[in-house]
Amino acid sequence: MLLRRKGYKLPGLLGVLLVATLGCFGLIMYLQSTSGTRMYQFLYWDIFLAWVPVFITLGMMALSRLRSTKVKSILLFFSSIVWLFFLPNALYLVTELLHAFRFYDVNPNTRFWLNTQFWLILFTSFSAAGLGLFLTSLCVLMIHHMLRKICSGGLAWAVVFVLLWLASVGVYIGRFARWNSWDVMLQPLVLLTNIWSWGVHAGPRLHLLSFCWLVFGIAVIFYLLIYISLSENQDV
């Protein structure tokens, strides 16, 4: 257990993730100052979006404590839809690893690993990816905890796997189709048309499934590690 005293585990996890976020911001600022460029400027916004589903999840946990059953059910229903649309933003940070190759031109004929700039860029990308996995797992863990109170354990696990799969598909849509979470509400028909075209054409469908299974596999393994490490006391 990370924090054994009941009631302090979730604040502790959030605190560590906040420190990790600030550390990632520090790496970005240092890279920008040493390179004289706006390297990784976009990552500030991406990391903020990755925190949005965490904030929504905390709000849903607060709503679950309302006494009015009808009001609680309505608010939880709509907030869960919004949460599902924003969940891929956290897992999306895994794909920021590609920028380690985008920002540093690796020459295989040189000992590029002796260059400190290479490691700074690599660790910045890795930090963002790790942060995304932790934020995704924390969000799903809190939802899993809520699900166990209203349904069987097997059904709760099934929902968790479905959520992680949908998040993986959302990552694909964000990375390759360049759609954002709010586009689901602003341009739903165009988005559905794109998804349908991927399902119809064999090439795009194979690419989509291959990518999504890879992201899904990583997300599931990481979530299981987090879940098992906190399984001594199920209260988050």
Protein backbone atom coordinates (compact mmCIF):
# COMPACT_ATOMS: atom_id res chain seq x y z
CA MET A 1 0.00 0.00 0.00
CA LEU A 2 1.24 3.48 -0.84
CA LEU A 3 -0.59 5.05 2.09
CA ARG A 4 -1.95 2.70 4.72
CA ARG A 5 -4.10 5.04 6.77
CA LYS A 6 -7.65 4.84 5.52
CA GLY A 7 -8.86 8.04 3.89
CA TYR A 8 -5.45 9.35 2.86
CA LYS A 9 -4.63 7.11 -0.08
CA LEU A 10 -6.41 9.09 -2.82
CA PRO A 11 -5.06 12.51 -1.75
CA GLY A 12 -1.60 10.95 -1.59
CA LEU A 13 -1.87 9.56 -5.11
CA LEU A 14 -3.16 12.86 -6.45
CA GLY A 15 -0.34 14.69 -4.69
CA VAL A 16 2.33 12.47 -6.23
CA LEU A 17 0.79 12.85 -9.69
CA LEU A 18 0.66 16.62 -9.24
CA VAL A 19 4.35 16.67 -8.34
CA ALA A 20 5.07 14.48 -11.39
CA THR A 21 3.11 16.93 -13.55
CA LEU A 22 5.10 19.88 -12.23
CA GLY A 23 8.29 17.91 -12.82
CA CYS A 24 7.27 17.28 -16.41
CA PHE A 25 6.56 21.00 -16.85
CA GLY A 26 9.99 21.72 -15.41
CA LEU A 27 11.63 19.44 -17.98
CA ILE A 28 9.75 21.19 -20.77
CA MET A 29 10.81 24.65 -19.59
CA TYR A 30 14.42 23.52 -19.23
CA LEU A 31 14.45 22.05 -22.74
CA GLN A 32 12.97 25.24 -24.14
CA SER A 33 15.52 27.41 -22.36
CA THR A 34 18.51 25.30 -23.45
CA SER A 35 17.35 24.88 -27.05
CA GLY A 36 16.02 28.40 -27.55
CA THR A 37 12.87 26.94 -29.10
CA ARG A 38 9.26 26.32 -28.03
CA MET A 39 9.91 22.58 -27.90
CA TYR A 40 7.04 20.63 -26.29
CA GLN A 41 4.94 23.79 -25.89
CA PHE A 42 1.88 21.77 -26.91
CA LEU A 43 2.49 19.36 -24.03
CA TYR A 44 1.24 21.87 -21.47
CA TRP A 45 -2.22 21.77 -23.02
CA ASP A 46 -2.14 18.00 -23.54
CA ILE A 47 -1.26 17.38 -19.89
CA PHE A 48 -4.01 19.75 -18.74
CA LEU A 49 -6.52 17.81 -20.85
CA ALA A 50 -5.19 14.58 -19.31
CA TRP A 51 -6.17 15.92 -15.88
CA VAL A 52 -9.71 16.80 -16.98
CA PRO A 53 -11.09 13.23 -16.62
CA VAL A 54 -9.53 13.11 -13.14
CA PHE A 55 -11.44 16.24 -12.13
CA ILE A 56 -14.64 14.83 -13.64
CA THR A 57 -14.12 11.55 -11.77
CA LEU A 58 -13.71 13.38 -8.48
CA GLY A 59 -16.91 15.26 -9.25
CA MET A 60 -18.69 11.97 -9.95
CA MET A 61 -17.52 10.58 -6.63
CA ALA A 62 -18.97 13.63 -4.91
CA LEU A 63 -22.25 13.24 -6.82
CA SER A 64 -22.49 9.58 -5.77
CA ARG A 65 -22.90 10.78 -2.17
CA LEU A 66 -26.04 12.82 -2.90
CA ARG A 67 -29.13 11.69 -1.04
CA SER A 68 -31.61 12.36 -3.84
CA THR A 69 -31.54 9.17 -5.91
CA LYS A 70 -33.21 10.67 -8.98
CA VAL A 71 -31.06 13.78 -9.14
CA LYS A 72 -27.94 11.71 -8.47
CA SER A 73 -28.76 9.26 -11.28
CA ILE A 74 -29.37 12.03 -13.81
CA LEU A 75 -26.22 13.95 -12.94
CA LEU A 76 -24.08 10.81 -12.89
CA PHE A 77 -25.44 9.73 -16.27
CA PHE A 78 -24.51 12.96 -18.04
CA SER A 79 -21.21 13.36 -16.22
CA SER A 80 -20.23 9.79 -17.12
CA ILE A 81 -20.79 10.54 -20.81
CA VAL A 82 -18.59 13.64 -20.60
CA TRP A 83 -16.02 11.61 -18.63
CA LEU A 84 -15.92 8.93 -21.32
CA PHE A 85 -15.28 11.54 -24.02
CA PHE A 86 -12.35 13.01 -22.08
CA LEU A 87 -10.80 9.78 -20.76
CA PRO A 88 -8.74 9.21 -23.96
CA ASN A 89 -6.94 12.51 -23.30
CA ALA A 90 -5.10 10.90 -20.39
CA LEU A 91 -4.15 7.74 -22.27
CA TYR A 92 -3.24 9.87 -25.29
CA LEU A 93 -0.07 11.02 -23.50
CA VAL A 94 1.41 7.57 -24.19
CA THR A 95 1.72 8.55 -27.85
CA GLU A 96 3.85 11.58 -26.93
CA LEU A 97 6.78 9.15 -27.02
CA LEU A 98 6.96 9.73 -30.76
CA HIS A 99 8.23 13.27 -30.15
CA ALA A 100 11.50 11.87 -28.80
CA PHE A 101 12.22 10.97 -32.43
CA ARG A 102 10.60 14.08 -33.84
CA PHE A 103 12.72 16.56 -31.87
CA TYR A 104 16.05 14.75 -31.99
CA ASP A 105 17.62 13.62 -35.25
CA VAL A 106 19.24 10.30 -34.33
CA ASN A 107 22.26 9.48 -36.45
CA PRO A 108 23.01 5.75 -36.08
CA ASN A 109 26.58 6.32 -37.19
CA THR A 110 27.34 8.47 -34.14
CA ARG A 111 27.29 7.90 -30.39
CA PHE A 112 24.18 10.06 -30.04
CA TRP A 113 23.45 8.63 -26.58
CA LEU A 114 26.36 10.65 -25.19
CA ASN A 115 24.41 13.83 -25.91
CA THR A 116 22.57 15.06 -22.81
CA GLN A 117 19.96 16.75 -24.98
CA PHE A 118 18.93 13.36 -26.36
CA TRP A 119 18.27 12.01 -22.86
CA LEU A 120 16.40 15.13 -21.81
CA ILE A 121 14.08 14.84 -24.79
CA LEU A 122 13.66 11.11 -24.25
CA PHE A 123 12.92 11.45 -20.52
CA THR A 124 10.47 14.29 -21.15
CA SER A 125 8.53 12.11 -23.60
CA PHE A 126 8.74 9.15 -21.23
CA SER A 127 7.56 11.27 -18.28
CA ALA A 128 4.50 12.43 -20.21
CA ALA A 129 3.70 8.85 -21.26
CA GLY A 130 4.05 7.54 -17.72
CA LEU A 131 1.92 10.37 -16.36
CA GLY A 132 -0.78 9.50 -18.87
CA LEU A 133 -0.83 5.86 -17.81
CA PHE A 134 -1.04 6.76 -14.13
CA LEU A 135 -3.83 9.31 -14.68
CA THR A 136 -5.78 6.84 -16.80
CA SER A 137 -5.40 4.09 -14.21
CA LEU A 138 -6.41 6.39 -11.35
CA CYS A 139 -9.55 7.53 -13.21
CA VAL A 140 -10.59 3.97 -14.03
CA LEU A 141 -9.73 2.79 -10.51
CA MET A 142 -12.11 5.33 -8.98
CA ILE A 143 -14.86 4.39 -11.43
CA HIS A 144 -14.19 0.71 -10.73
CA HIS A 145 -14.62 1.40 -7.04
CA MET A 146 -17.99 3.05 -7.72
CA LEU A 147 -19.11 0.21 -9.99
CA ARG A 148 -18.42 -2.43 -7.33
CA LYS A 149 -21.04 -0.76 -5.15
CA ILE A 150 -23.84 -1.11 -7.71
CA CYS A 151 -23.06 -4.29 -9.66
CA SER A 152 -21.28 -7.63 -9.42
CA GLY A 153 -17.51 -7.89 -9.48
CA GLY A 154 -17.47 -9.66 -12.84
CA LEU A 155 -19.64 -7.02 -14.48
CA ALA A 156 -17.53 -4.24 -12.99
CA TRP A 157 -14.39 -5.78 -14.50
CA ALA A 158 -16.11 -6.16 -17.87
CA VAL A 159 -17.04 -2.48 -17.83
CA VAL A 160 -13.45 -1.55 -16.93
CA PHE A 161 -12.08 -3.47 -19.93
CA VAL A 162 -14.67 -1.89 -22.24
CA LEU A 163 -13.75 1.56 -20.96
CA LEU A 164 -10.05 0.97 -21.57
CA TRP A 165 -10.79 -0.33 -25.07
CA LEU A 166 -12.92 2.71 -25.91
CA ALA A 167 -10.18 4.95 -24.54
CA SER A 168 -7.69 3.18 -26.82
CA VAL A 169 -9.93 3.83 -29.82
CA GLY A 170 -10.19 7.44 -28.68
CA VAL A 171 -6.39 7.69 -28.65
CA TYR A 172 -6.31 6.46 -32.25
CA ILE A 173 -8.90 9.04 -33.26
CA GLY A 174 -6.95 11.79 -31.55
CA ARG A 175 -3.52 10.83 -32.84
CA PHE A 176 -4.28 9.90 -36.45
CA ALA A 177 -7.59 11.62 -37.29
CA ARG A 178 -6.68 14.62 -35.11
CA TRP A 179 -10.14 14.88 -33.54
CA ASN A 180 -10.62 16.37 -30.08
CA SER A 181 -12.99 15.37 -27.28
CA TRP A 182 -15.30 18.33 -27.89
CA ASP A 183 -15.61 17.41 -31.59
CA VAL A 184 -17.88 14.56 -30.48
CA MET A 185 -20.46 17.20 -29.60
CA LEU A 186 -19.60 19.77 -32.28
CA GLN A 187 -19.22 17.46 -35.31
CA PRO A 188 -20.62 14.03 -34.34
CA LEU A 189 -21.77 13.06 -37.86
CA VAL A 190 -18.40 13.80 -39.46
CA LEU A 191 -16.64 11.84 -36.74
CA LEU A 192 -18.98 8.86 -37.14
CA THR A 193 -18.43 8.97 -40.91
CA ASN A 194 -14.67 8.76 -40.39
CA ILE A 195 -15.01 5.83 -38.00
CA TRP A 196 -17.32 4.06 -40.44
CA SER A 197 -14.81 4.50 -43.27
CA TRP A 198 -12.09 2.93 -41.11
CA GLY A 199 -14.37 -0.04 -40.49
CA VAL A 200 -15.19 -0.50 -44.17
CA HIS A 201 -11.72 -0.31 -45.67
CA ALA A 202 -9.42 -3.20 -44.83
CA GLY A 203 -6.21 -1.14 -44.66
CA PRO A 204 -7.40 1.53 -42.21
CA ARG A 205 -9.28 -1.10 -40.21
CA LEU A 206 -6.15 -3.20 -39.78
CA HIS A 207 -4.16 -0.14 -38.76
CA LEU A 208 -6.84 0.93 -36.28
CA LEU A 209 -7.14 -2.51 -34.68
CA SER A 210 -3.39 -3.08 -34.48
CA PHE A 211 -2.78 0.28 -32.85
CA CYS A 212 -5.75 0.02 -30.49
CA TRP A 213 -4.82 -3.48 -29.32
CA LEU A 214 -1.30 -2.28 -28.53
CA VAL A 215 -2.53 0.71 -26.52
CA PHE A 216 -5.24 -1.40 -24.88
CA GLY A 217 -2.73 -4.07 -23.85
CA ILE A 218 -0.41 -1.51 -22.27
CA ALA A 219 -3.31 0.20 -20.49
CA VAL A 220 -4.70 -3.08 -19.12
CA ILE A 221 -1.34 -4.33 -17.85
CA PHE A 222 -0.60 -1.00 -16.19
CA TYR A 223 -4.07 -0.85 -14.64
CA LEU A 224 -3.75 -4.37 -13.27
CA LEU A 225 -0.42 -3.46 -11.70
CA ILE A 226 -1.99 -0.41 -10.04
CA TYR A 227 -5.08 -2.34 -8.96
CA ILE A 228 -3.11 -5.22 -7.46
CA SER A 229 -0.72 -2.87 -5.66
CA LEU A 230 -3.71 -1.19 -3.98
CA SER A 231 -5.80 -4.33 -3.44
CA GLU A 232 -4.92 -4.69 0.25
CA ASN A 233 -7.50 -2.03 1.06
CA GLN A 234 -10.08 -1.50 -1.66
CA ASP A 235 -11.16 1.96 -0.49
CA VAL A 236 -9.62 4.72 -2.61
